[in-house]
Amino acid sequence: PSGRWPDMARRNSQTSALEEGERLQAASASALRPSSPAPVTPPAKRDYSLLEKAVLFTIFMLSGPLLIMSNKYILRDLDFRFPLTLTLITLVFCSVACWAYVHFTGVELKHANSITQSFFLRRLCPIGALSAGTIVLGMASYLY
C-alpha cells in the first residue's frame, strides 16, 4: 500500500496540470474572440390596473367633448368673437402644462439632444401651424 501513494500523487498532479492547461487554453481562446456587446434591456413598462385604465380612458374620452363645449360657450354665449385668440390661449396653456409635466416629474426625453433649431423650424413648426389652423377653423365654425 505504501507504494501506491506516490503513484496516486503523481496522477493527481498530472490531472491538475491538465486541468490547469485546459483552463488557460479556454481563457486565452475567449480573450481572442471578439466580445459581443452586452444585451440592452428596455426599461420596464408600467402595468396599469384595470381601474387606472378605466379612469384614464374616461378622462381621455371626456376631455375632447368638454373642450368643444367650453369653446362653443365662450365663442357663442359669451360673444367672444376672436377664435384665433382663443386658439392661442389654448395652445399656450397646453405648452405650459407639457413643459411643467416634463420638468417637474423627472421625465427623460429620449431625443432631446437631436432637436436643433433647424429641425424645430423645418419639421415641428409646420405641424404646429397646421394644427393651430385646424383648431381656428373648427372654432370659427361655432360663430357662423
Protein backbone atom coordinates (compact mmCIF):
# COMPACT_ATOMS: atom_id res chain seq x y z
CA PRO A 1 0.00 0.00 0.00
CA SER A 2 2.85 2.45 0.65
CA GLY A 3 4.00 2.09 -2.94
CA ARG A 4 0.67 3.24 -4.24
CA TRP A 5 0.74 6.67 -2.58
CA PRO A 6 3.49 8.21 -4.71
CA ASP A 7 1.79 6.81 -7.78
CA MET A 8 -1.54 8.47 -6.84
CA ALA A 9 0.18 11.75 -6.01
CA ARG A 10 1.84 11.73 -9.43
CA ARG A 11 -1.52 11.04 -11.15
CA ASN A 12 -3.21 13.82 -9.21
CA SER A 13 -0.51 16.30 -10.15
CA GLN A 14 -0.76 15.26 -13.82
CA THR A 15 -4.56 15.63 -13.73
CA SER A 16 -4.37 19.04 -12.09
CA ALA A 17 -1.74 20.14 -14.61
CA LEU A 18 -4.01 19.03 -17.46
CA GLU A 19 -6.99 20.81 -15.95
CA GLU A 20 -4.88 23.95 -15.47
CA GLY A 21 -3.72 23.77 -19.10
CA GLU A 22 -7.28 23.37 -20.37
CA ARG A 23 -8.44 26.27 -18.24
CA LEU A 24 -5.67 28.53 -19.57
CA GLN A 25 -6.38 27.49 -23.15
CA ALA A 26 -10.10 28.27 -22.75
CA ALA A 27 -9.27 31.64 -21.18
CA SER A 28 -6.91 32.61 -23.99
CA ALA A 29 -9.40 31.49 -26.64
CA SER A 30 -12.13 33.61 -25.10
CA ALA A 31 -9.74 36.56 -24.90
CA LEU A 32 -9.09 36.29 -28.65
CA ARG A 33 -12.79 36.11 -29.56
CA PRO A 34 -14.40 39.48 -30.22
CA SER A 35 -16.62 40.33 -27.33
CA SER A 36 -20.25 40.87 -28.14
CA PRO A 37 -21.90 43.93 -26.66
CA ALA A 38 -23.94 43.43 -23.55
CA PRO A 39 -27.62 42.99 -24.34
CA VAL A 40 -29.63 46.12 -23.84
CA THR A 41 -32.79 45.62 -21.89
CA PRO A 42 -35.57 48.15 -22.41
CA PRO A 43 -36.94 49.87 -19.34
CA ALA A 44 -39.80 48.07 -17.70
CA LYS A 45 -43.19 49.36 -18.75
CA ARG A 46 -45.65 50.29 -16.06
CA ASP A 47 -48.53 47.89 -15.80
CA TYR A 48 -51.73 49.81 -15.10
CA SER A 49 -54.52 48.20 -13.14
CA LEU A 50 -57.96 47.85 -14.70
CA LEU A 51 -59.30 50.72 -12.57
CA GLU A 52 -56.46 53.03 -13.64
CA LYS A 53 -57.05 52.14 -17.28
CA ALA A 54 -60.77 52.86 -16.91
CA VAL A 55 -60.10 56.25 -15.28
CA LEU A 56 -57.55 57.27 -17.94
CA PHE A 57 -59.88 56.16 -20.74
CA THR A 58 -62.78 58.12 -19.24
CA ILE A 59 -60.67 61.26 -18.89
CA PHE A 60 -59.48 60.90 -22.48
CA MET A 61 -62.98 60.38 -23.84
CA LEU A 62 -64.50 63.27 -21.86
CA SER A 63 -61.77 65.87 -22.40
CA GLY A 64 -62.45 66.35 -26.14
CA PRO A 65 -66.21 66.96 -25.90
CA LEU A 66 -65.74 69.14 -22.80
CA LEU A 67 -63.21 71.29 -24.65
CA ILE A 68 -65.55 71.61 -27.63
CA MET A 69 -68.50 72.61 -25.43
CA SER A 70 -66.44 75.10 -23.43
CA ASN A 71 -65.08 76.72 -26.62
CA LYS A 72 -68.58 76.89 -28.06
CA TYR A 73 -69.84 78.52 -24.85
CA ILE A 74 -67.02 81.09 -24.90
CA LEU A 75 -67.45 81.96 -28.57
CA ARG A 76 -71.26 81.96 -28.81
CA ASP A 77 -72.76 82.60 -25.40
CA LEU A 78 -70.12 85.00 -24.10
CA ASP A 79 -69.93 86.62 -27.56
CA PHE A 80 -66.13 86.33 -27.75
CA ARG A 81 -65.51 86.89 -31.47
CA PHE A 82 -61.81 86.04 -31.58
CA PRO A 83 -61.26 82.34 -32.35
CA LEU A 84 -57.58 82.92 -33.11
CA THR A 85 -57.03 84.42 -29.66
CA LEU A 86 -58.88 81.55 -28.03
CA THR A 87 -56.69 79.12 -30.00
CA LEU A 88 -53.58 80.97 -28.85
CA ILE A 89 -54.70 80.77 -25.22
CA THR A 90 -55.42 77.04 -25.61
CA LEU A 91 -52.05 76.25 -27.21
CA VAL A 92 -50.10 78.35 -24.69
CA PHE A 93 -51.86 76.55 -21.85
CA CYS A 94 -51.07 73.14 -23.38
CA SER A 95 -47.43 74.11 -23.93
CA VAL A 96 -47.01 75.31 -20.35
CA ALA A 97 -48.74 72.20 -18.99
CA CYS A 98 -46.46 69.89 -21.03
CA TRP A 99 -43.34 71.83 -20.02
CA ALA A 100 -44.34 71.67 -16.35
CA TYR A 101 -45.06 67.94 -16.58
CA VAL A 102 -41.67 67.18 -18.14
CA HIS A 103 -39.67 69.41 -15.81
CA PHE A 104 -41.41 68.66 -12.53
CA THR A 105 -41.98 64.92 -12.84
CA GLY A 106 -38.47 64.00 -13.96
CA VAL A 107 -39.49 62.54 -17.33
CA GLU A 108 -36.43 61.98 -19.52
CA LEU A 109 -36.91 62.81 -23.18
CA LYS A 110 -35.02 60.31 -25.35
CA HIS A 111 -34.37 62.61 -28.30
CA ALA A 112 -33.97 65.96 -26.56
CA ASN A 113 -30.42 66.41 -27.88
CA SER A 114 -31.43 65.83 -31.51
CA ILE A 115 -33.87 68.77 -31.67
CA THR A 116 -31.87 71.59 -33.21
CA GLN A 117 -33.16 74.97 -34.31
CA SER A 118 -33.19 73.79 -37.92
CA PHE A 119 -35.12 70.62 -37.01
CA PHE A 120 -37.59 72.69 -34.98
CA LEU A 121 -38.22 75.22 -37.76
CA ARG A 122 -38.42 72.72 -40.63
CA ARG A 123 -40.29 69.84 -39.02
CA LEU A 124 -42.15 70.95 -35.89
CA CYS A 125 -43.32 74.47 -36.76
CA PRO A 126 -45.27 73.44 -39.89
CA ILE A 127 -47.08 70.74 -37.90
CA GLY A 128 -47.88 73.24 -35.14
CA ALA A 129 -49.10 75.84 -37.65
CA LEU A 130 -51.38 73.35 -39.39
CA SER A 131 -52.72 72.10 -36.07
CA ALA A 132 -53.44 75.67 -34.98
CA GLY A 133 -55.19 76.31 -38.31
CA THR A 134 -57.36 73.26 -37.77
CA ILE A 135 -58.33 74.47 -34.31
CA VAL A 136 -59.05 78.02 -35.52
CA LEU A 137 -61.27 76.80 -38.38
CA GLY A 138 -63.06 74.45 -36.00
CA MET A 139 -63.74 77.30 -33.57
CA ALA A 140 -64.78 79.66 -36.35
CA SER A 141 -67.49 77.17 -37.25
CA TYR A 142 -69.14 77.91 -33.90
CA LEU A 143 -69.56 81.55 -34.92
CA TYR A 144 -71.15 81.03 -38.33
